[in-house]
Amino acid sequence: MKIYPENLASRLEDLFRHEAPVAVNELEALVRETVELVEVNMQRVDTEEARRRLGWRQQPWKLRESDR
């Protein structure tokens, strides 16, 4: 890749050294930086959907009492 977030390889490797909540936030930062780079360097690419989903978290499923 010619254009990528600063220290991408080491930051990706570091994700496996962090606890899950920290790793999720770090990964989201990398995605955010990547989206920004796409917006600057590939202006014809629509990043609206990716940007809209940044910060979104899947909520854990909850079992109903009747399902237990």
Protein backbone atom coordinates (compact mmCIF):
# COMPACT_ATOMS: atom_id res chain seq x y z
CA MET A 1 0.00 0.00 0.00
CA LYS A 2 1.26 3.44 -0.84
CA ILE A 3 -0.94 5.33 1.62
CA TYR A 4 -1.79 4.03 5.08
CA PRO A 5 -2.12 5.18 8.70
CA GLU A 6 1.11 5.94 10.52
CA ASN A 7 2.79 2.87 12.07
CA LEU A 8 0.04 0.62 10.70
CA ALA A 9 1.86 -2.72 11.06
CA SER A 10 2.99 -2.19 14.64
CA ARG A 11 -0.40 -0.79 15.63
CA LEU A 12 -2.15 -3.85 14.20
CA GLU A 13 0.21 -6.16 16.08
CA ASP A 14 -0.37 -4.20 19.29
CA LEU A 15 -4.10 -4.94 19.07
CA PHE A 16 -3.35 -8.50 20.20
CA ARG A 17 -1.52 -7.25 23.28
CA HIS A 18 -4.40 -5.14 24.61
CA GLU A 19 -7.50 -6.12 26.51
CA ALA A 20 -10.56 -6.31 24.27
CA PRO A 21 -12.10 -2.87 25.08
CA VAL A 22 -8.80 -1.10 24.44
CA ALA A 23 -8.15 -3.11 21.27
CA VAL A 24 -11.61 -2.22 19.94
CA ASN A 25 -10.95 1.50 20.45
CA GLU A 26 -7.51 1.26 18.87
CA LEU A 27 -8.87 -0.63 15.87
CA GLU A 28 -11.61 1.95 15.47
CA ALA A 29 -8.96 4.69 15.47
CA LEU A 30 -7.14 2.88 12.65
CA VAL A 31 -10.36 2.56 10.67
CA ARG A 32 -11.14 6.25 11.23
CA GLU A 33 -7.67 7.25 10.00
CA THR A 34 -8.05 4.99 6.98
CA VAL A 35 -11.41 6.55 6.10
CA GLU A 36 -9.86 10.01 6.41
CA LEU A 37 -7.01 9.00 4.10
CA VAL A 38 -9.50 7.68 1.56
CA GLU A 39 -11.45 10.94 1.73
CA VAL A 40 -8.31 13.00 1.11
CA ASN A 41 -6.64 10.80 -1.50
CA MET A 42 -9.58 9.15 -3.26
CA GLN A 43 -12.22 11.84 -3.23
CA ARG A 44 -14.50 9.96 -5.63
CA VAL A 45 -14.99 7.13 -3.11
CA ASP A 46 -18.11 7.47 -0.98
CA THR A 47 -17.17 6.98 2.68
CA GLU A 48 -20.49 8.07 4.15
CA GLU A 49 -21.55 4.56 5.24
CA ALA A 50 -18.18 3.77 6.81
CA ARG A 51 -18.10 7.10 8.64
CA ARG A 52 -21.67 6.63 9.87
CA ARG A 53 -20.80 3.29 11.43
CA LEU A 54 -17.73 4.52 13.31
CA GLY A 55 -18.44 4.34 17.02
CA TRP A 56 -21.34 1.92 16.59
CA ARG A 57 -21.26 -1.13 18.84
CA GLN A 58 -23.22 -4.36 18.54
CA GLN A 59 -25.18 -4.81 21.73
CA PRO A 60 -24.96 -8.20 23.42
CA TRP A 61 -27.95 -10.43 23.07
CA LYS A 62 -30.10 -10.88 26.14
CA LEU A 63 -31.90 -14.14 26.74
CA ARG A 64 -35.48 -13.94 27.91
CA GLU A 65 -36.27 -15.82 31.09
CA SER A 66 -38.43 -18.21 29.07
CA ASP A 67 -35.40 -19.15 26.91
CA ARG A 68 -33.19 -20.19 29.82
